[in-house]
N, C-alpha and C. Protein backbone atom coordinates (compact mmCIF):
# COMPACT_ATOMS: atom_id res chain seq x y z
N MET A 1 60.79 -121.19 -136.16
CA MET A 1 59.44 -121.84 -135.94
C MET A 1 59.58 -122.69 -134.39
N VAL A 2 58.38 -122.32 -133.66
CA VAL A 2 58.21 -122.70 -132.44
C VAL A 2 57.32 -123.92 -132.63
N MET A 3 57.71 -125.06 -131.74
CA MET A 3 56.97 -126.36 -132.25
C MET A 3 56.27 -126.53 -130.66
N PRO A 4 55.24 -126.92 -130.59
CA PRO A 4 54.45 -127.21 -129.34
C PRO A 4 55.04 -128.41 -128.73
N LEU A 5 55.04 -128.30 -127.35
CA LEU A 5 55.82 -129.51 -126.66
C LEU A 5 54.88 -131.14 -127.02
N VAL A 6 53.73 -130.89 -127.46
CA VAL A 6 52.99 -132.31 -127.76
C VAL A 6 53.75 -132.94 -128.90
N ASP A 7 54.15 -132.11 -129.99
CA ASP A 7 54.85 -132.66 -130.96
C ASP A 7 56.32 -132.82 -131.11
N GLU A 8 56.96 -132.61 -129.91
CA GLU A 8 58.36 -132.56 -130.14
C GLU A 8 59.05 -133.98 -130.18
N HIS A 9 58.31 -134.99 -130.00
CA HIS A 9 59.00 -136.25 -129.98
C HIS A 9 58.71 -136.91 -131.38
N LYS A 10 57.95 -136.24 -132.36
CA LYS A 10 57.81 -136.68 -133.57
C LYS A 10 58.73 -136.12 -134.65
N PRO A 11 59.22 -137.12 -135.46
CA PRO A 11 60.18 -136.80 -136.45
C PRO A 11 59.63 -135.61 -137.49
N ARG A 12 60.24 -134.76 -138.05
CA ARG A 12 59.91 -133.71 -139.08
C ARG A 12 60.73 -133.72 -140.21
N CYS A 13 60.31 -133.46 -141.18
CA CYS A 13 60.93 -133.25 -142.44
C CYS A 13 61.74 -131.77 -142.41
N TYR A 14 63.07 -131.86 -142.71
CA TYR A 14 63.75 -130.51 -142.53
C TYR A 14 63.53 -129.59 -143.85
N LEU A 15 62.93 -130.12 -144.73
CA LEU A 15 62.78 -129.41 -145.96
C LEU A 15 61.24 -128.65 -145.98
N CYS A 16 60.34 -129.53 -145.55
CA CYS A 16 59.06 -128.90 -145.75
C CYS A 16 58.51 -128.55 -144.26
N HIS A 17 58.85 -129.16 -143.38
CA HIS A 17 58.57 -129.01 -141.91
C HIS A 17 57.36 -129.71 -141.58
N LYS A 18 57.06 -130.70 -142.33
CA LYS A 18 55.77 -131.61 -142.13
C LYS A 18 56.04 -132.60 -141.18
N GLY A 19 55.20 -132.68 -140.05
CA GLY A 19 55.50 -133.84 -138.98
C GLY A 19 55.01 -135.17 -139.21
N PHE A 20 55.54 -136.23 -138.68
CA PHE A 20 55.26 -137.75 -139.20
C PHE A 20 55.06 -138.36 -137.71
N GLU A 21 54.24 -139.39 -137.58
CA GLU A 21 53.99 -140.18 -136.47
C GLU A 21 55.32 -141.25 -136.15
N ASP A 22 56.06 -141.57 -137.25
CA ASP A 22 57.24 -142.36 -137.07
C ASP A 22 58.23 -142.06 -138.01
N ILE A 23 59.39 -142.70 -137.95
CA ILE A 23 60.53 -142.53 -138.63
C ILE A 23 60.26 -142.99 -140.19
N GLU A 24 59.59 -144.33 -140.18
CA GLU A 24 59.13 -144.89 -141.39
C GLU A 24 58.45 -143.83 -142.18
N GLY A 25 57.46 -143.25 -141.70
CA GLY A 25 56.51 -142.21 -142.57
C GLY A 25 57.39 -141.14 -143.07
N LEU A 26 58.40 -140.66 -142.36
CA LEU A 26 59.40 -139.65 -142.70
C LEU A 26 60.25 -140.05 -143.87
N ARG A 27 60.46 -141.59 -143.62
CA ARG A 27 61.63 -141.97 -144.74
C ARG A 27 60.62 -142.06 -146.08
N LYS A 28 59.48 -142.64 -145.87
CA LYS A 28 58.70 -142.65 -147.38
C LYS A 28 58.23 -141.27 -147.96
N HIS A 29 58.15 -140.21 -147.32
CA HIS A 29 57.93 -139.06 -147.47
C HIS A 29 59.00 -138.42 -148.39
N GLN A 30 60.49 -138.70 -147.70
CA GLN A 30 61.62 -138.30 -148.23
C GLN A 30 62.01 -138.70 -149.57
N ASN A 31 61.70 -140.10 -149.60
CA ASN A 31 61.95 -140.90 -150.91
C ASN A 31 61.05 -140.49 -152.04
N SER A 32 60.00 -140.07 -151.79
CA SER A 32 58.77 -139.84 -152.70
C SER A 32 58.75 -138.21 -152.98
N ASN A 33 58.35 -137.47 -152.05
CA ASN A 33 58.35 -135.99 -152.32
C ASN A 33 59.48 -135.22 -152.46
N ASP A 34 60.60 -135.38 -151.58
CA ASP A 34 61.78 -134.67 -151.73
C ASP A 34 62.91 -135.40 -152.50
N CYS A 35 62.71 -136.43 -153.08
CA CYS A 35 63.71 -137.27 -153.75
C CYS A 35 64.84 -136.59 -154.47
N ASP A 36 64.27 -135.50 -155.07
CA ASP A 36 65.25 -134.68 -155.97
C ASP A 36 66.19 -134.02 -155.23
N PHE A 37 66.04 -133.55 -154.19
CA PHE A 37 66.86 -132.83 -153.13
C PHE A 37 67.97 -133.72 -152.76
N PHE A 38 67.47 -134.99 -152.34
CA PHE A 38 68.39 -135.96 -151.65
C PHE A 38 69.32 -136.57 -152.90
N GLU A 39 68.71 -136.90 -154.01
CA GLU A 39 69.62 -137.41 -155.08
C GLU A 39 70.63 -136.36 -155.42
N MET A 40 70.35 -135.20 -155.47
CA MET A 40 71.41 -134.30 -156.06
C MET A 40 72.51 -134.07 -155.00
N ASN A 41 72.05 -134.00 -153.54
CA ASN A 41 73.01 -133.92 -152.52
C ASN A 41 73.84 -135.20 -152.36
N GLN A 42 73.28 -136.36 -152.68
CA GLN A 42 74.07 -137.46 -152.45
C GLN A 42 75.25 -137.71 -153.64
N LYS A 43 75.16 -137.19 -154.74
CA LYS A 43 76.09 -137.09 -155.60
C LYS A 43 77.20 -136.33 -155.30
N GLN A 44 76.94 -135.01 -154.29
CA GLN A 44 78.12 -134.35 -153.77
C GLN A 44 78.76 -134.95 -152.58
N ALA A 45 78.02 -135.96 -152.14
CA ALA A 45 78.86 -136.31 -150.81
C ALA A 45 79.93 -137.36 -151.03
N TYR A 46 80.03 -137.96 -152.29
CA TYR A 46 81.27 -138.66 -152.62
C TYR A 46 82.43 -138.04 -153.20
N ARG A 47 82.57 -136.84 -152.87
CA ARG A 47 84.01 -136.06 -153.39
C ARG A 47 85.03 -136.77 -152.78
N GLU A 48 86.17 -136.25 -153.57
CA GLU A 48 87.38 -136.72 -153.28
C GLU A 48 88.06 -135.38 -152.60
N PRO A 49 89.20 -135.51 -151.71
CA PRO A 49 89.89 -134.25 -151.18
C PRO A 49 90.46 -133.45 -152.50
N ALA A 50 90.37 -132.17 -152.08
CA ALA A 50 91.24 -131.24 -153.00
C ALA A 50 92.65 -131.33 -153.00
N PRO A 51 93.34 -131.10 -153.77
CA PRO A 51 94.74 -131.08 -153.80
C PRO A 51 95.00 -130.02 -152.82
N GLY A 52 96.12 -130.45 -151.92
CA GLY A 52 96.40 -129.58 -151.08
C GLY A 52 95.74 -129.85 -149.64
N ASP A 53 94.89 -130.36 -149.44
CA ASP A 53 94.06 -130.65 -148.18
C ASP A 53 94.93 -131.70 -147.42
N VAL A 54 94.97 -131.34 -146.12
CA VAL A 54 95.82 -132.08 -145.09
C VAL A 54 95.06 -132.82 -144.12
N THR A 55 95.39 -133.98 -143.96
CA THR A 55 94.66 -134.97 -142.86
C THR A 55 95.30 -135.00 -141.71
N VAL A 56 94.75 -134.59 -140.48
CA VAL A 56 95.17 -134.81 -139.21
C VAL A 56 94.91 -135.82 -138.46
N PHE A 57 95.72 -136.51 -137.91
CA PHE A 57 95.58 -137.86 -137.19
C PHE A 57 95.60 -137.41 -135.78
C-alpha cells in the first residue's frame, strides 16, 4: 500500500488501514471497533517462559 506524502504524519490503524487526525482518535477507534483483536492478543502477552528457555544477560 502506497501512502501519499500528505498523510504520512497521520497515525493509521494497522488492522483496517484507516487514517486519523491524531493519536487519540486512533486510540478511540481501536478501543471500540477493533477491541476483540486487542483483547485476544493481550491475553497472549502475559505468557511465562517455556521449560528449557534460556535467559541471556
